[in-house]
Amino acid sequence: ITTEGVYRTVGSNIQMQKLLNAFFDAKCPGDMDLQSGDWDIKTITSSLKFYLSVCEHSQENLMSPSNMGVIFGPTLMRAQEDTVAAMMNIKFQNIVVEILIEHFGK
């Protein structure tokens, strides 16, 4: 988060494609360690930005900000421990991500 230009500077397109392919691998989707040092921070943030441009096409792909919140909420705002209380917060995590997507311009 302290990297200069973390969202402004673009990562490598080749690395972005590798990251997206690995993340959405049908065999083990999302099974990767982004903190391992294998991925440059700009590649990670560029991939995230690329994926969040999806909502603009929600008429065709049905991926509204609400649906994106369901996908990214638990991932981006994961609790440190899996508890009943953490599971109850999933709805709020989804809403927070939905609001961030809807108001990305601000």
Protein backbone atom coordinates (compact mmCIF):
# COMPACT_ATOMS: atom_id res chain seq x y z
CA ILE A 1 0.00 0.00 0.00
CA THR A 2 3.01 2.31 0.40
CA THR A 3 4.26 1.78 -3.15
CA GLU A 4 4.30 5.05 -5.11
CA GLY A 5 1.74 5.06 -7.92
CA VAL A 6 0.24 1.77 -6.73
CA TYR A 7 -2.86 2.23 -8.90
CA ARG A 8 -1.51 4.83 -11.30
CA THR A 9 1.42 2.89 -12.74
CA VAL A 10 0.54 -0.04 -14.98
CA GLY A 11 2.01 -3.50 -14.55
CA SER A 12 3.27 -5.79 -17.28
CA ASN A 13 0.49 -7.05 -19.59
CA ILE A 14 2.12 -10.47 -19.84
CA GLN A 15 2.35 -10.77 -16.05
CA MET A 16 -1.23 -9.50 -15.67
CA GLN A 17 -2.47 -12.20 -18.01
CA LYS A 18 -0.51 -14.87 -16.13
CA LEU A 19 -1.95 -13.64 -12.83
CA LEU A 20 -5.53 -13.56 -14.11
CA ASN A 21 -5.14 -17.01 -15.67
CA ALA A 22 -3.77 -18.41 -12.43
CA PHE A 23 -6.45 -16.73 -10.32
CA PHE A 24 -9.29 -18.08 -12.43
CA ASP A 25 -7.79 -21.52 -13.00
CA ALA A 26 -10.70 -23.99 -12.99
CA LYS A 27 -8.64 -26.58 -11.08
CA CYS A 28 -7.95 -24.36 -8.08
CA PRO A 29 -9.45 -20.86 -8.54
CA GLY A 30 -7.93 -18.18 -6.36
CA ASP A 31 -5.46 -20.64 -4.79
CA MET A 32 -2.37 -18.44 -4.80
CA ASP A 33 -0.23 -16.40 -2.44
CA LEU A 34 -0.08 -12.79 -3.61
CA GLN A 35 2.42 -11.94 -0.87
CA SER A 36 4.96 -14.56 -1.95
CA GLY A 37 7.04 -12.06 -3.91
CA ASP A 38 6.27 -13.81 -7.20
CA TRP A 39 3.98 -10.96 -8.23
CA ASP A 40 4.95 -7.31 -8.62
CA ILE A 41 2.50 -5.02 -6.79
CA LYS A 42 1.76 -3.08 -9.99
CA THR A 43 0.83 -6.32 -11.74
CA ILE A 44 -1.60 -7.15 -8.93
CA THR A 45 -3.22 -3.70 -8.86
CA SER A 46 -3.42 -3.49 -12.66
CA SER A 47 -5.12 -6.89 -12.75
CA LEU A 48 -7.61 -5.76 -10.12
CA LYS A 49 -8.39 -2.56 -12.05
CA PHE A 50 -8.81 -4.58 -15.24
CA TYR A 51 -11.27 -6.92 -13.57
CA LEU A 52 -13.29 -4.10 -11.92
CA SER A 53 -14.00 -2.48 -15.37
CA VAL A 54 -16.51 -5.41 -15.70
CA CYS A 55 -19.45 -3.54 -14.13
CA GLU A 56 -19.69 -1.15 -17.05
CA HIS A 57 -20.92 -4.12 -19.10
CA SER A 58 -23.34 -5.51 -16.51
CA GLN A 59 -26.22 -5.42 -19.01
CA GLU A 60 -24.47 -8.15 -20.97
CA ASN A 61 -22.45 -10.03 -18.37
CA LEU A 62 -24.87 -9.65 -15.41
CA MET A 63 -21.97 -8.63 -13.15
CA SER A 64 -23.52 -5.67 -11.35
CA PRO A 65 -21.71 -3.89 -8.51
CA SER A 66 -23.81 -5.99 -6.13
CA ASN A 67 -22.65 -9.24 -7.74
CA MET A 68 -19.07 -8.01 -7.73
CA GLY A 69 -19.43 -7.25 -4.02
CA VAL A 70 -20.43 -10.85 -3.40
CA ILE A 71 -17.30 -12.01 -5.22
CA PHE A 72 -14.76 -9.55 -3.83
CA GLY A 73 -16.20 -8.74 -0.38
CA PRO A 74 -15.06 -11.90 1.41
CA THR A 75 -11.75 -11.91 -0.46
CA LEU A 76 -10.74 -8.30 0.02
CA MET A 77 -12.05 -7.97 3.56
CA ARG A 78 -11.37 -11.45 4.93
CA ALA A 79 -11.38 -11.75 8.71
CA GLN A 80 -8.20 -12.97 10.38
CA GLU A 81 -10.09 -15.88 11.92
CA ASP A 82 -13.07 -17.86 10.65
CA THR A 83 -15.64 -17.33 13.37
CA VAL A 84 -19.43 -17.12 13.45
CA ALA A 85 -19.15 -13.35 13.91
CA ALA A 86 -16.90 -13.11 10.84
CA MET A 87 -19.41 -15.09 8.80
CA MET A 88 -22.16 -12.70 9.91
CA ASN A 89 -20.12 -9.76 8.58
CA ILE A 90 -19.90 -11.15 5.04
CA LYS A 91 -23.05 -9.27 4.02
CA PHE A 92 -21.51 -5.98 5.18
CA GLN A 93 -18.25 -6.75 3.40
CA ASN A 94 -20.20 -7.29 0.19
CA ILE A 95 -22.02 -3.98 0.62
CA VAL A 96 -18.80 -2.07 1.26
CA VAL A 97 -17.22 -3.41 -1.94
CA GLU A 98 -20.43 -2.70 -3.88
CA ILE A 99 -20.39 0.92 -2.67
CA LEU A 100 -16.70 1.29 -3.58
CA ILE A 101 -17.38 0.02 -7.09
CA GLU A 102 -20.46 2.18 -7.59
CA HIS A 103 -18.61 5.32 -6.45
CA PHE A 104 -15.17 4.59 -7.88
CA GLY A 105 -15.00 8.07 -9.40
CA LYS A 106 -15.04 9.76 -6.00
